[in-house]
């Protein structure tokens, strides 16, 4: 699905990118980054299309989503402080005065 069609489907559902990202527990930037590629991954396309169709049919997709328990995705490249790229070894960091 193209990014523009994805946004159209979200519009049918009455959602902004930020609201969609909040519902699926992702950051808005992780969603908007797909605009540079011009397409969204199939799993996001399916979710957006279903939300759009449910909203058009008068069905509350938010109620359905609220019944699903899931953890937020961990950000990629998010190394812990004092770690490099997820390395398991501690780095000796020196501070310049």
C-alpha atoms as a PDB file:
ATOM      1  CA  UNK A   1       0.000   0.000   0.000  1.00  0.00           C
ATOM      2  CA  UNK A   2       1.314   3.430  -0.845  1.00  0.00           C
ATOM      3  CA  UNK A   3       1.926   5.867   1.975  1.00  0.00           C
ATOM      4  CA  UNK A   4      -0.746   8.191   0.549  1.00  0.00           C
ATOM      5  CA  UNK A   5      -3.333   5.386   0.489  1.00  0.00           C
ATOM      6  CA  UNK A   6      -2.298   4.495   4.050  1.00  0.00           C
ATOM      7  CA  UNK A   7      -2.983   8.091   5.121  1.00  0.00           C
ATOM      8  CA  UNK A   8      -6.328   8.009   3.294  1.00  0.00           C
ATOM      9  CA  UNK A   9      -7.323   4.865   5.192  1.00  0.00           C
ATOM     10  CA  UNK A  10      -6.336   6.487   8.487  1.00  0.00           C
ATOM     11  CA  UNK A  11      -8.429   9.504   7.503  1.00  0.00           C
ATOM     12  CA  UNK A  12     -11.449   7.238   6.939  1.00  0.00           C
ATOM     13  CA  UNK A  13     -10.888   5.980  10.480  1.00  0.00           C
ATOM     14  CA  UNK A  14     -10.653   9.549  11.764  1.00  0.00           C
ATOM     15  CA  UNK A  15      -7.028   9.103  12.802  1.00  0.00           C
ATOM     16  CA  UNK A  16      -3.899  11.182  12.484  1.00  0.00           C
ATOM     17  CA  UNK A  17      -0.491   9.547  12.194  1.00  0.00           C
ATOM     18  CA  UNK A  18       0.130  10.398  15.856  1.00  0.00           C
ATOM     19  CA  UNK A  19      -3.170   8.868  16.987  1.00  0.00           C
ATOM     20  CA  UNK A  20      -2.495   5.726  14.942  1.00  0.00           C
ATOM     21  CA  UNK A  21       1.016   5.445  16.384  1.00  0.00           C
ATOM     22  CA  UNK A  22      -0.367   5.825  19.905  1.00  0.00           C
ATOM     23  CA  UNK A  23      -2.937   3.063  19.295  1.00  0.00           C
ATOM     24  CA  UNK A  24      -0.296   0.608  18.116  1.00  0.00           C
ATOM     25  CA  UNK A  25       2.268   1.765  20.703  1.00  0.00           C
ATOM     26  CA  UNK A  26       4.850   3.077  18.268  1.00  0.00           C
ATOM     27  CA  UNK A  27       6.387   6.488  17.841  1.00  0.00           C
ATOM     28  CA  UNK A  28       4.912   8.773  15.192  1.00  0.00           C
ATOM     29  CA  UNK A  29       8.381   9.084  13.610  1.00  0.00           C
ATOM     30  CA  UNK A  30       8.532   5.324  13.043  1.00  0.00           C
ATOM     31  CA  UNK A  31       5.339   5.654  11.006  1.00  0.00           C
ATOM     32  CA  UNK A  32       6.175   8.847   9.101  1.00  0.00           C
ATOM     33  CA  UNK A  33       9.574   7.430   8.117  1.00  0.00           C
ATOM     34  CA  UNK A  34       7.726   5.215   5.619  1.00  0.00           C
ATOM     35  CA  UNK A  35       6.787   8.317   3.613  1.00  0.00           C
ATOM     36  CA  UNK A  36      10.346   8.451   2.233  1.00  0.00           C
ATOM     37  CA  UNK A  37       9.957   4.896   0.913  1.00  0.00           C
ATOM     38  CA  UNK A  38       6.521   5.660  -0.503  1.00  0.00           C
ATOM     39  CA  UNK A  39       5.014   2.438   0.883  1.00  0.00           C
ATOM     40  CA  UNK A  40       4.108   1.039   4.281  1.00  0.00           C
ATOM     41  CA  UNK A  41       4.758  -2.549   5.408  1.00  0.00           C
ATOM     42  CA  UNK A  42       1.894  -4.971   4.793  1.00  0.00           C
ATOM     43  CA  UNK A  43       1.044  -5.388   8.485  1.00  0.00           C
ATOM     44  CA  UNK A  44       0.448  -1.637   8.891  1.00  0.00           C
ATOM     45  CA  UNK A  45      -1.471  -1.477   5.612  1.00  0.00           C
ATOM     46  CA  UNK A  46      -3.793  -4.259   6.765  1.00  0.00           C
ATOM     47  CA  UNK A  47      -4.420  -2.603  10.127  1.00  0.00           C
ATOM     48  CA  UNK A  48      -5.124   0.788   8.522  1.00  0.00           C
ATOM     49  CA  UNK A  49      -7.472  -0.716   5.911  1.00  0.00           C
ATOM     50  CA  UNK A  50      -9.396  -2.644   8.560  1.00  0.00           C
ATOM     51  CA  UNK A  51      -9.683   0.439  10.774  1.00  0.00           C
ATOM     52  CA  UNK A  52     -10.929   2.508   7.833  1.00  0.00           C
ATOM     53  CA  UNK A  53     -13.522  -0.068   6.823  1.00  0.00           C
ATOM     54  CA  UNK A  54     -14.661  -0.616  10.415  1.00  0.00           C
ATOM     55  CA  UNK A  55     -15.142   3.125  10.914  1.00  0.00           C
ATOM     56  CA  UNK A  56     -17.109   3.393   7.656  1.00  0.00           C
ATOM     57  CA  UNK A  57     -19.345   0.550   8.847  1.00  0.00           C
ATOM     58  CA  UNK A  58     -19.930   2.283  12.172  1.00  0.00           C
ATOM     59  CA  UNK A  59     -17.874  -0.218  14.154  1.00  0.00           C
ATOM     60  CA  UNK A  60     -15.645   0.919  17.016  1.00  0.00           C
ATOM     61  CA  UNK A  61     -12.133  -0.366  16.296  1.00  0.00           C
ATOM     62  CA  UNK A  62     -10.853   1.307  19.479  1.00  0.00           C
ATOM     63  CA  UNK A  63     -12.943  -1.033  21.615  1.00  0.00           C
ATOM     64  CA  UNK A  64     -11.514  -4.004  19.749  1.00  0.00           C
ATOM     65  CA  UNK A  65      -7.945  -2.768  20.173  1.00  0.00           C
ATOM     66  CA  UNK A  66      -8.459  -2.069  23.869  1.00  0.00           C
ATOM     67  CA  UNK A  67      -9.066  -5.789  24.461  1.00  0.00           C
ATOM     68  CA  UNK A  68      -5.609  -6.685  23.143  1.00  0.00           C
ATOM     69  CA  UNK A  69      -2.723  -6.546  25.598  1.00  0.00           C
ATOM     70  CA  UNK A  70       0.686  -5.983  24.023  1.00  0.00           C
ATOM     71  CA  UNK A  71       3.976  -4.317  24.810  1.00  0.00           C
ATOM     72  CA  UNK A  72       5.324  -1.333  22.937  1.00  0.00           C
ATOM     73  CA  UNK A  73       8.094  -2.155  20.490  1.00  0.00           C
ATOM     74  CA  UNK A  74      11.588  -1.334  21.684  1.00  0.00           C
ATOM     75  CA  UNK A  75      13.212   1.402  19.615  1.00  0.00           C
ATOM     76  CA  UNK A  76      15.881   0.201  17.228  1.00  0.00           C
ATOM     77  CA  UNK A  77      19.383   1.362  18.013  1.00  0.00           C
ATOM     78  CA  UNK A  78      18.436   2.244  21.564  1.00  0.00           C
ATOM     79  CA  UNK A  79      21.571   1.252  23.423  1.00  0.00           C
ATOM     80  CA  UNK A  80      21.706   1.593  27.173  1.00  0.00           C
ATOM     81  CA  UNK A  81      23.781   4.383  28.646  1.00  0.00           C
ATOM     82  CA  UNK A  82      27.433   3.348  28.760  1.00  0.00           C
ATOM     83  CA  UNK A  83      26.886   0.670  26.115  1.00  0.00           C
ATOM     84  CA  UNK A  84      27.786   0.888  22.461  1.00  0.00           C
ATOM     85  CA  UNK A  85      25.305  -0.443  19.911  1.00  0.00           C
ATOM     86  CA  UNK A  86      23.829  -2.897  22.387  1.00  0.00           C
ATOM     87  CA  UNK A  87      27.234  -4.283  23.338  1.00  0.00           C
ATOM     88  CA  UNK A  88      27.229  -6.357  26.513  1.00  0.00           C
ATOM     89  CA  UNK A  89      30.490  -4.843  27.709  1.00  0.00           C
ATOM     90  CA  UNK A  90      30.719  -1.621  29.706  1.00  0.00           C
ATOM     91  CA  UNK A  91      32.544   1.271  28.144  1.00  0.00           C
ATOM     92  CA  UNK A  92      34.986   3.284  30.155  1.00  0.00           C
ATOM     93  CA  UNK A  93      33.872   6.833  29.444  1.00  0.00           C
ATOM     94  CA  UNK A  94      36.115   9.682  30.462  1.00  0.00           C
ATOM     95  CA  UNK A  95      34.794  13.154  31.057  1.00  0.00           C
ATOM     96  CA  UNK A  96      36.780  16.140  29.845  1.00  0.00           C
ATOM     97  CA  UNK A  97      36.921  18.970  32.347  1.00  0.00           C
END
